[in-house]
Amino acid sequence: MQVTKLVSTCDLKDCPTIYATDRGTFLVQGETPTDHGLEIPAHETLVEIPMDLLKKAIADGLV
């Protein structure tokens, strides 16, 4: 899989980030919440990212 960094809230490696893949999908880096009360299948996960990150991606024309 080839991964391209689209947008981040900082230049460090531990910040919320959106990546595009050569599979036509996105990878999202963010916090893993534990207090959501949802039943998530074992093969899936939730990632929490700031609304500002999505707004920046849209404003930059990336998504």
PDB file of N, CA and C in Angstrom:
ATOM      1  N   MET A   1       0.848  -1.179   0.000  1.00  0.00           N
ATOM      2  CA  MET A   1       0.000   0.000   0.000  1.00  0.00           C
ATOM      3  C   MET A   1       0.889   1.236   0.000  1.00  0.00           C
ATOM      4  N   GLN A   2       0.597   2.181  -0.886  1.00  0.00           N
ATOM      5  CA  GLN A   2       1.289   3.465  -0.869  1.00  0.00           C
ATOM      6  C   GLN A   2       0.417   4.464  -0.120  1.00  0.00           C
ATOM      7  N   VAL A   3       1.063   5.216   0.771  1.00  0.00           N
ATOM      8  CA  VAL A   3       0.351   6.162   1.632  1.00  0.00           C
ATOM      9  C   VAL A   3       0.925   7.554   1.419  1.00  0.00           C
ATOM     10  N   THR A   4       0.035   8.527   1.229  1.00  0.00           N
ATOM     11  CA  THR A   4       0.430   9.919   1.044  1.00  0.00           C
ATOM     12  C   THR A   4      -0.226  10.775   2.111  1.00  0.00           C
ATOM     13  N   LYS A   5       0.573  11.536   2.831  1.00  0.00           N
ATOM     14  CA  LYS A   5       0.051  12.438   3.858  1.00  0.00           C
ATOM     15  C   LYS A   5      -0.695  13.581   3.179  1.00  0.00           C
ATOM     16  N   LEU A   6      -1.958  13.778   3.556  1.00  0.00           N
ATOM     17  CA  LEU A   6      -2.754  14.859   2.979  1.00  0.00           C
ATOM     18  C   LEU A   6      -2.753  16.104   3.850  1.00  0.00           C
ATOM     19  N   VAL A   7      -3.101  15.924   5.127  1.00  0.00           N
ATOM     20  CA  VAL A   7      -3.236  17.084   6.009  1.00  0.00           C
ATOM     21  C   VAL A   7      -3.019  16.641   7.453  1.00  0.00           C
ATOM     22  N   SER A   8      -2.434  17.532   8.235  1.00  0.00           N
ATOM     23  CA  SER A   8      -2.172  17.259   9.647  1.00  0.00           C
ATOM     24  C   SER A   8      -2.336  18.549  10.427  1.00  0.00           C
ATOM     25  N   THR A   9      -2.464  18.407  11.739  1.00  0.00           N
ATOM     26  CA  THR A   9      -2.568  19.601  12.565  1.00  0.00           C
ATOM     27  C   THR A   9      -1.209  20.046  13.091  1.00  0.00           C
ATOM     28  N   CYS A  10      -0.164  19.293  12.777  1.00  0.00           N
ATOM     29  CA  CYS A  10       1.193  19.699  13.159  1.00  0.00           C
ATOM     30  C   CYS A  10       2.211  18.897  12.351  1.00  0.00           C
ATOM     31  N   ASP A  11       3.484  19.165  12.546  1.00  0.00           N
ATOM     32  CA  ASP A  11       4.537  18.482  11.805  1.00  0.00           C
ATOM     33  C   ASP A  11       5.109  17.282  12.540  1.00  0.00           C
ATOM     34  N   LEU A  12       4.614  16.997  13.731  1.00  0.00           N
ATOM     35  CA  LEU A  12       5.103  15.856  14.493  1.00  0.00           C
ATOM     36  C   LEU A  12       4.412  14.581  14.029  1.00  0.00           C
ATOM     37  N   LYS A  13       4.937  13.429  14.440  1.00  0.00           N
ATOM     38  CA  LYS A  13       4.364  12.153  14.021  1.00  0.00           C
ATOM     39  C   LYS A  13       3.191  11.713  14.882  1.00  0.00           C
ATOM     40  N   ASP A  14       2.931  12.391  15.990  1.00  0.00           N
ATOM     41  CA  ASP A  14       1.878  11.928  16.896  1.00  0.00           C
ATOM     42  C   ASP A  14       0.655  12.839  16.889  1.00  0.00           C
ATOM     43  N   CYS A  15       0.389  13.508  15.764  1.00  0.00           N
ATOM     44  CA  CYS A  15      -0.748  14.415  15.664  1.00  0.00           C
ATOM     45  C   CYS A  15      -1.815  13.826  14.747  1.00  0.00           C
ATOM     46  N   PRO A  16      -3.072  14.230  14.931  1.00  0.00           N
ATOM     47  CA  PRO A  16      -4.111  13.772  14.016  1.00  0.00           C
ATOM     48  C   PRO A  16      -3.752  14.097  12.571  1.00  0.00           C
ATOM     49  N   THR A  17      -3.896  13.112  11.692  1.00  0.00           N
ATOM     50  CA  THR A  17      -3.485  13.236  10.306  1.00  0.00           C
ATOM     51  C   THR A  17      -4.429  12.442   9.416  1.00  0.00           C
ATOM     52  N   ILE A  18      -4.643  12.922   8.188  1.00  0.00           N
ATOM     53  CA  ILE A  18      -5.386  12.175   7.180  1.00  0.00           C
ATOM     54  C   ILE A  18      -4.419  11.831   6.056  1.00  0.00           C
ATOM     55  N   TYR A  19      -4.425  10.564   5.659  1.00  0.00           N
ATOM     56  CA  TYR A  19      -3.589  10.058   4.575  1.00  0.00           C
ATOM     57  C   TYR A  19      -4.482   9.511   3.464  1.00  0.00           C
ATOM     58  N   ALA A  20      -4.011   9.561   2.228  1.00  0.00           N
ATOM     59  CA  ALA A  20      -4.680   8.902   1.108  1.00  0.00           C
ATOM     60  C   ALA A  20      -3.854   7.674   0.738  1.00  0.00           C
ATOM     61  N   THR A  21      -4.525   6.638   0.242  1.00  0.00           N
ATOM     62  CA  THR A  21      -3.813   5.431  -0.186  1.00  0.00           C
ATOM     63  C   THR A  21      -3.992   5.236  -1.695  1.00  0.00           C
ATOM     64  N   ASP A  22      -3.170   4.381  -2.253  1.00  0.00           N
ATOM     65  CA  ASP A  22      -3.302   4.042  -3.665  1.00  0.00           C
ATOM     66  C   ASP A  22      -4.452   3.067  -3.907  1.00  0.00           C
ATOM     67  N   ARG A  23      -5.197   2.744  -2.865  1.00  0.00           N
ATOM     68  CA  ARG A  23      -6.373   1.880  -2.973  1.00  0.00           C
ATOM     69  C   ARG A  23      -7.661   2.688  -3.104  1.00  0.00           C
ATOM     70  N   GLY A  24      -7.530   4.020  -3.134  1.00  0.00           N
ATOM     71  CA  GLY A  24      -8.706   4.874  -3.194  1.00  0.00           C
ATOM     72  C   GLY A  24      -9.394   5.003  -1.847  1.00  0.00           C
ATOM     73  N   THR A  25      -8.614   4.867  -0.764  1.00  0.00           N
ATOM     74  CA  THR A  25      -9.150   4.967   0.591  1.00  0.00           C
ATOM     75  C   THR A  25      -8.358   6.002   1.383  1.00  0.00           C
ATOM     76  N   PHE A  26      -8.843   6.296   2.586  1.00  0.00           N
ATOM     77  CA  PHE A  26      -8.150   7.199   3.493  1.00  0.00           C
ATOM     78  C   PHE A  26      -7.740   6.444   4.744  1.00  0.00           C
ATOM     79  N   LEU A  27      -6.630   6.827   5.328  1.00  0.00           N
ATOM     80  CA  LEU A  27      -6.209   6.380   6.654  1.00  0.00           C
ATOM     81  C   LEU A  27      -6.285   7.601   7.560  1.00  0.00           C
ATOM     82  N   VAL A  28      -6.788   7.405   8.761  1.00  0.00           N
ATOM     83  CA  VAL A  28      -6.932   8.512   9.695  1.00  0.00           C
ATOM     84  C   VAL A  28      -6.168   8.185  10.966  1.00  0.00           C
ATOM     85  N   GLN A  29      -5.287   9.088  11.363  1.00  0.00           N
ATOM     86  CA  GLN A  29      -4.526   8.938  12.603  1.00  0.00           C
ATOM     87  C   GLN A  29      -5.141   9.863  13.635  1.00  0.00           C
ATOM     88  N   GLY A  30      -5.423   9.316  14.815  1.00  0.00           N
ATOM     89  CA  GLY A  30      -5.996  10.119  15.889  1.00  0.00           C
ATOM     90  C   GLY A  30      -6.060   9.315  17.171  1.00  0.00           C
ATOM     91  N   GLU A  31      -6.731   9.864  18.135  1.00  0.00           N
ATOM     92  CA  GLU A  31      -6.881   9.203  19.433  1.00  0.00           C
ATOM     93  C   GLU A  31      -7.864   8.030  19.312  1.00  0.00           C
ATOM     94  N   THR A  32      -7.632   6.979  20.093  1.00  0.00           N
ATOM     95  CA  THR A  32      -8.559   5.857  20.164  1.00  0.00           C
ATOM     96  C   THR A  32      -9.440   6.043  21.391  1.00  0.00           C
ATOM     97  N   PRO A  33     -10.703   6.424  21.189  1.00  0.00           N
ATOM     98  CA  PRO A  33     -11.582   6.649  22.332  1.00  0.00           C
ATOM     99  C   PRO A  33     -12.016   5.326  22.962  1.00  0.00           C
ATOM    100  N   THR A  34     -12.261   5.358  24.262  1.00  0.00           N
ATOM    101  CA  THR A  34     -12.697   4.149  24.957  1.00  0.00           C
ATOM    102  C   THR A  34     -14.033   4.342  25.663  1.00  0.00           C
ATOM    103  N   ASP A  35     -14.528   5.565  25.701  1.00  0.00           N
ATOM    104  CA  ASP A  35     -15.736   5.864  26.463  1.00  0.00           C
ATOM    105  C   ASP A  35     -16.959   6.095  25.575  1.00  0.00           C
ATOM    106  N   HIS A  36     -17.007   5.474  24.397  1.00  0.00           N
ATOM    107  CA  HIS A  36     -18.065   5.729  23.436  1.00  0.00           C
ATOM    108  C   HIS A  36     -19.324   4.895  23.650  1.00  0.00           C
ATOM    109  N   GLY A  37     -19.239   3.753  24.309  1.00  0.00           N
ATOM    110  CA  GLY A  37     -20.400   2.915  24.576  1.00  0.00           C
ATOM    111  C   GLY A  37     -20.940   2.179  23.366  1.00  0.00           C
ATOM    112  N   LEU A  38     -20.199   2.166  22.271  1.00  0.00           N
ATOM    113  CA  LEU A  38     -20.630   1.483  21.052  1.00  0.00           C
ATOM    114  C   LEU A  38     -20.092   0.065  20.994  1.00  0.00           C
ATOM    115  N   GLU A  39     -20.770  -0.800  20.263  1.00  0.00           N
ATOM    116  CA  GLU A  39     -20.271  -2.157  20.025  1.00  0.00           C
ATOM    117  C   GLU A  39     -19.601  -2.175  18.653  1.00  0.00           C
ATOM    118  N   ILE A  40     -18.283  -2.248  18.651  1.00  0.00           N
ATOM    119  CA  ILE A  40     -17.504  -2.211  17.419  1.00  0.00           C
ATOM    120  C   ILE A  40     -16.967  -3.619  17.152  1.00  0.00           C
ATOM    121  N   PRO A  41     -17.128  -4.156  15.922  1.00  0.00           N
ATOM    122  CA  PRO A  41     -16.590  -5.480  15.617  1.00  0.00           C
ATOM    123  C   PRO A  41     -15.081  -5.545  15.869  1.00  0.00           C
ATOM    124  N   ALA A  42     -14.591  -6.720  16.186  1.00  0.00           N
ATOM    125  CA  ALA A  42     -13.174  -6.900  16.526  1.00  0.00           C
ATOM    126  C   ALA A  42     -12.238  -6.475  15.397  1.00  0.00           C
ATOM    127  N   HIS A  43     -12.687  -6.555  14.150  1.00  0.00           N
ATOM    128  CA  HIS A  43     -11.817  -6.208  13.020  1.00  0.00           C
ATOM    129  C   HIS A  43     -11.886  -4.716  12.660  1.00  0.00           C
ATOM    130  N   GLU A  44     -12.625  -3.923  13.439  1.00  0.00           N
ATOM    131  CA  GLU A  44     -12.733  -2.492  13.191  1.00  0.00           C
ATOM    132  C   GLU A  44     -12.323  -1.712  14.439  1.00  0.00           C
ATOM    133  N   THR A  45     -12.145  -0.406  14.273  1.00  0.00           N
ATOM    134  CA  THR A  45     -11.821   0.452  15.404  1.00  0.00           C
ATOM    135  C   THR A  45     -12.412   1.835  15.169  1.00  0.00           C
ATOM    136  N   LEU A  46     -12.457   2.645  16.175  1.00  0.00           N
ATOM    137  CA  LEU A  46     -12.850   4.044  16.067  1.00  0.00           C
ATOM    138  C   LEU A  46     -11.619   4.902  16.273  1.00  0.00           C
ATOM    139  N   VAL A  47     -11.554   6.016  15.555  1.00  0.00           N
ATOM    140  CA  VAL A  47     -10.485   6.989  15.739  1.00  0.00           C
ATOM    141  C   VAL A  47     -11.135   8.350  15.867  1.00  0.00           C
ATOM    142  N   GLU A  48     -10.765   9.090  16.888  1.00  0.00           N
ATOM    143  CA  GLU A  48     -11.311  10.428  17.104  1.00  0.00           C
ATOM    144  C   GLU A  48     -10.320  11.466  16.604  1.00  0.00           C
ATOM    145  N   ILE A  49     -10.795  12.348  15.731  1.00  0.00           N
ATOM    146  CA  ILE A  49      -9.943  13.416  15.201  1.00  0.00           C
ATOM    147  C   ILE A  49     -10.648  14.754  15.406  1.00  0.00           C
ATOM    148  N   PRO A  50      -9.902  15.846  15.489  1.00  0.00           N
ATOM    149  CA  PRO A  50     -10.505  17.155  15.683  1.00  0.00           C
ATOM    150  C   PRO A  50     -11.263  17.616  14.437  1.00  0.00           C
ATOM    151  N   MET A  51     -12.367  18.305  14.624  1.00  0.00           N
ATOM    152  CA  MET A  51     -13.132  18.857  13.513  1.00  0.00           C
ATOM    153  C   MET A  51     -12.258  19.791  12.677  1.00  0.00           C
ATOM    154  N   ASP A  52     -11.322  20.497  13.322  1.00  0.00           N
ATOM    155  CA  ASP A  52     -10.431  21.404  12.596  1.00  0.00           C
ATOM    156  C   ASP A  52      -9.623  20.688  11.517  1.00  0.00           C
ATOM    157  N   LEU A  53      -9.282  19.421  11.757  1.00  0.00           N
ATOM    158  CA  LEU A  53      -8.515  18.671  10.771  1.00  0.00           C
ATOM    159  C   LEU A  53      -9.352  18.443   9.513  1.00  0.00           C
ATOM    160  N   LEU A  54     -10.606  18.064   9.684  1.00  0.00           N
ATOM    161  CA  LEU A  54     -11.486  17.868   8.526  1.00  0.00           C
ATOM    162  C   LEU A  54     -11.750  19.196   7.810  1.00  0.00           C
ATOM    163  N   LYS A  55     -11.963  20.260   8.570  1.00  0.00           N
ATOM    164  CA  LYS A  55     -12.185  21.572   7.966  1.00  0.00           C
ATOM    165  C   LYS A  55     -10.975  21.999   7.140  1.00  0.00           C
ATOM    166  N   LYS A  56      -9.776  21.733   7.647  1.00  0.00           N
ATOM    167  CA  LYS A  56      -8.556  22.089   6.930  1.00  0.00           C
ATOM    168  C   LYS A  56      -8.435  21.279   5.649  1.00  0.00           C
ATOM    169  N   ALA A  57      -8.745  19.990   5.708  1.00  0.00           N
ATOM    170  CA  ALA A  57      -8.676  19.128   4.521  1.00  0.00           C
ATOM    171  C   ALA A  57      -9.653  19.609   3.452  1.00  0.00           C
ATOM    172  N   ILE A  58     -10.859  20.005   3.857  1.00  0.00           N
ATOM    173  CA  ILE A  58     -11.850  20.495   2.910  1.00  0.00           C
ATOM    174  C   ILE A  58     -11.423  21.851   2.351  1.00  0.00           C
ATOM    175  N   ALA A  59     -10.978  22.752   3.211  1.00  0.00           N
ATOM    176  CA  ALA A  59     -10.548  24.083   2.763  1.00  0.00           C
ATOM    177  C   ALA A  59      -9.368  24.007   1.807  1.00  0.00           C
ATOM    178  N   ASP A  60      -8.491  23.024   2.018  1.00  0.00           N
ATOM    179  CA  ASP A  60      -7.325  22.851   1.149  1.00  0.00           C
ATOM    180  C   ASP A  60      -7.667  22.082  -0.129  1.00  0.00           C
ATOM    181  N   GLY A  61      -8.946  21.668  -0.276  1.00  0.00           N
ATOM    182  CA  GLY A  61      -9.383  20.948  -1.479  1.00  0.00           C
ATOM    183  C   GLY A  61      -8.855  19.526  -1.551  1.00  0.00           C
ATOM    184  N   LEU A  62      -8.537  18.940  -0.400  1.00  0.00           N
ATOM    185  CA  LEU A  62      -7.947  17.598  -0.387  1.00  0.00           C
ATOM    186  C   LEU A  62      -8.987  16.498  -0.350  1.00  0.00           C
ATOM    187  N   VAL A  63     -10.172  16.792   0.154  1.00  0.00           N
ATOM    188  CA  VAL A  63     -11.271  15.813   0.192  1.00  0.00           C
ATOM    189  C   VAL A  63     -12.544  16.476  -0.288  1.00  0.00           C
TER     190      VAL A  63
END
